[in-house]
Protein backbone atom coordinates (compact mmCIF):
# COMPACT_ATOMS: atom_id res chain seq x y z
CA MET A 1 0.00 0.00 0.00
CA ASN A 2 2.78 2.43 0.93
CA LYS A 3 4.54 1.71 -2.38
CA LYS A 4 1.38 2.63 -4.30
CA LEU A 5 0.95 5.87 -2.39
CA LEU A 6 4.60 6.72 -2.93
CA ALA A 7 4.29 6.04 -6.68
CA ILE A 8 1.16 8.22 -6.91
CA PHE A 9 2.83 10.98 -4.91
CA LEU A 10 5.95 10.90 -7.12
CA SER A 11 3.81 10.96 -10.29
CA LEU A 12 1.87 13.99 -9.06
CA LEU A 13 5.06 15.71 -7.96
CA SER A 14 6.66 15.18 -11.38
CA LEU A 15 3.53 16.60 -13.07
CA VAL A 16 3.59 19.71 -10.89
CA VAL A 17 7.33 20.26 -11.37
CA GLY A 18 7.01 19.66 -15.12
CA TYR A 19 4.16 22.17 -15.35
CA ALA A 20 6.15 24.75 -13.39
CA ILE A 21 9.17 24.32 -15.68
CA LEU A 22 7.02 24.66 -18.83
CA LYS A 23 5.24 27.71 -17.42
CA ALA A 24 8.55 29.41 -16.57
CA ALA A 25 9.89 28.72 -20.07
CA GLU A 26 6.67 30.11 -21.60
CA ASP A 27 6.91 33.26 -19.47
CA ARG A 28 10.51 33.81 -20.62
CA ARG A 29 9.45 33.42 -24.26
CA GLU A 30 6.62 35.92 -23.83
CA ASN A 31 8.89 38.59 -22.36
CA ARG A 32 11.64 38.52 -24.97
CA PRO A 33 12.77 42.00 -26.04
CA PRO A 34 12.71 43.30 -29.60
CA VAL A 35 15.91 42.91 -31.63
CA ILE A 36 17.40 45.37 -34.11
CA THR A 37 18.80 42.94 -36.67
CA ARG A 38 20.27 45.39 -39.21
CA SER A 39 20.85 49.11 -39.38
CA PHE A 40 22.43 51.62 -41.73
CA ALA A 41 22.94 55.37 -41.95
CA SER A 42 25.17 57.58 -44.02
CA LYS A 43 28.17 58.84 -42.04
CA GLU A 44 27.88 62.36 -43.47
CA VAL A 45 24.95 64.62 -44.21
CA LYS A 46 24.65 68.08 -45.71
CA PRO A 47 23.23 70.78 -43.44
CA ARG A 48 19.52 71.38 -44.19
CA GLU A 49 19.18 67.85 -45.63
CA SER A 50 17.10 65.05 -44.11
CA TRP A 51 19.28 62.28 -42.63
CA LYS A 52 17.79 58.77 -42.96
CA ILE A 53 18.52 55.96 -40.53
CA TYR A 54 17.46 52.53 -41.83
CA LEU A 55 16.36 49.81 -39.41
CA ASN A 56 15.30 46.17 -39.57
CA ALA A 57 13.89 44.82 -36.31
CA SER A 58 11.75 41.98 -35.07
CA ASP A 59 9.92 41.06 -31.90
CA PRO A 60 8.98 37.44 -31.16
CA ASP A 61 5.96 38.68 -29.17
CA GLY A 62 4.82 41.02 -31.98
CA ASP A 63 4.33 43.97 -29.65
CA MET A 64 6.99 46.55 -30.61
CA GLN A 65 5.54 49.88 -29.56
CA THR A 66 8.02 52.75 -29.84
CA ILE A 67 11.39 53.77 -31.24
CA PHE A 68 13.54 55.86 -28.88
CA ALA A 69 16.16 58.17 -30.40
CA VAL A 70 18.73 60.21 -28.45
CA ILE A 71 21.32 62.55 -29.96
CA GLU A 72 24.48 63.68 -28.20
CA GLN A 73 26.25 66.83 -29.38
CA PRO A 74 29.72 67.86 -28.18
CA GLY A 75 29.54 71.06 -26.16
CA LEU A 76 25.77 70.76 -25.64
CA GLY A 77 25.30 67.24 -24.25
CA LYS A 78 22.27 65.02 -24.89
CA TYR A 79 19.06 66.30 -26.41
CA PRO A 80 15.74 65.16 -24.93
CA VAL A 81 14.64 61.75 -26.18
CA SER A 82 12.48 61.58 -29.29
CA ILE A 83 9.81 58.86 -29.30
CA ILE A 84 8.35 57.48 -32.52
CA ARG A 85 5.23 55.31 -32.30
CA ILE A 86 5.36 52.08 -34.32
CA LYS A 87 2.29 51.36 -36.44
CA GLU A 88 0.35 48.17 -35.69
CA GLU A 89 1.33 46.51 -38.99
CA ASN A 90 5.04 46.89 -38.08
CA GLN A 91 4.91 45.59 -34.50
CA LYS A 92 6.21 42.08 -35.30
CA GLU A 93 8.59 42.86 -38.19
CA LEU A 94 9.85 46.35 -38.95
CA SER A 95 11.83 47.57 -41.96
CA GLY A 96 12.22 51.16 -43.07
CA TYR A 97 13.80 54.41 -42.00
CA ILE A 98 13.46 57.11 -39.40
CA HIS A 99 14.69 60.57 -40.35
CA LEU A 100 16.18 63.69 -38.79
CA ASN A 101 15.55 67.15 -40.22
CA THR A 102 18.81 69.11 -40.18
CA SER A 103 17.45 72.48 -41.29
CA VAL A 104 19.66 74.71 -39.16
CA SER A 105 22.45 77.13 -39.92
CA ASP A 106 25.71 76.35 -41.70
CA LYS A 107 27.50 76.48 -38.32
CA LEU A 108 27.01 72.71 -38.13
CA ASP A 109 29.56 72.03 -40.88
CA PHE A 110 32.11 69.42 -39.73
CA LEU A 111 30.31 68.91 -36.40
CA THR A 112 30.09 65.24 -35.36
CA LEU A 113 27.03 63.96 -33.50
CA THR A 114 26.07 60.58 -32.06
CA LEU A 115 22.63 58.98 -32.37
CA MET A 116 21.48 56.03 -30.24
CA VAL A 117 18.31 54.14 -31.20
CA HIS A 118 16.37 51.60 -29.09
CA ILE A 119 13.04 49.89 -29.68
CA ARG A 120 10.68 49.25 -26.77
CA ASP A 121 7.84 46.76 -26.66
CA LYS A 122 4.57 46.97 -24.74
CA ALA A 123 6.03 44.98 -21.83
CA GLY A 124 8.71 47.67 -21.39
CA ASN A 125 11.59 45.58 -22.78
CA PHE A 126 14.25 47.48 -24.73
CA SER A 127 16.15 46.20 -27.76
CA ASN A 128 19.85 46.20 -28.23
CA PRO A 129 21.04 49.72 -29.15
CA ALA A 130 21.91 50.82 -32.67
CA ASN A 131 24.55 53.56 -32.53
CA PHE A 132 25.45 55.95 -35.33
CA THR A 133 28.08 58.66 -35.59
CA PHE A 134 27.53 61.26 -38.27
CA SER A 135 28.97 64.60 -39.23
CA PHE A 136 27.83 67.56 -41.26
CA ASN A 137 29.71 68.31 -44.44
CA SER A 138 28.29 70.63 -47.10
CA ARG A 139 30.22 68.67 -49.76
CA SER A 140 29.08 65.19 -48.75
CA VAL A 141 27.34 62.78 -51.08
CA ARG A 142 24.52 60.75 -49.51
CA GLU A 143 25.35 57.05 -49.18
CA ALA A 144 22.59 54.71 -50.31
CA PRO A 145 21.59 51.79 -48.07
CA PRO A 146 22.54 48.29 -49.23
CA GLN A 147 20.22 47.05 -51.98
CA GLY A 148 17.37 44.72 -51.03
CA ILE A 149 17.85 44.82 -47.25
CA PHE A 150 15.63 47.69 -46.08
CA LYS A 151 12.17 48.75 -47.21
CA ASP A 152 11.80 52.33 -48.39
CA GLN A 153 9.15 52.93 -45.72
CA ASP A 154 9.02 56.10 -43.61
CA LEU A 155 8.71 54.98 -39.97
CA GLY A 156 8.61 58.53 -38.62
CA PRO A 157 10.61 61.64 -37.78
CA ILE A 158 13.14 62.13 -35.01
CA MET A 159 11.63 65.20 -33.35
CA ILE A 160 14.83 66.91 -32.23
CA ASN A 161 15.75 70.44 -33.25
CA LEU A 162 19.51 70.65 -33.55
CA ARG A 163 21.24 73.78 -32.36
CA ALA A 164 24.38 75.31 -33.72
CA TRP A 165 26.91 75.82 -30.97
CA ASP A 166 28.51 79.24 -31.09
CA PRO A 167 31.11 79.81 -28.36
CA LEU A 168 31.08 83.59 -28.92
């Protein structure tokens, strides 16, 4: 009799432990962050030209919500974060470009800035960062993204107004 009770107890225990392990694995899968798989941006841009930053990203949960963009400028520090909402049809797979309007004075020529991009999902998970360094050069020629990798889809503007730094 005791052997039967022990066998039943061990069977139930293994079911409960197995369920707990499967549930924990499922929870980890559901909370996976988005991933920026590819990115590209020209390293130089002319002042007053729109700078395009191309992104490919995916989210196993299909709930990418926003793109966060932060620019750092020597002498001025970091600008406030710009948040771009991701459309519902792009929340699982995203391919296209975000863009920065650079319509400020010529005092930006040869200035180098850094852009950091993250994608956040509805659970609050952040993707790996995509970092870009770019400079202003009135003689630059815009680099095209690699053929066939990114869609030519406008994902939204980076809402940051650049300022020319004038030490005088």
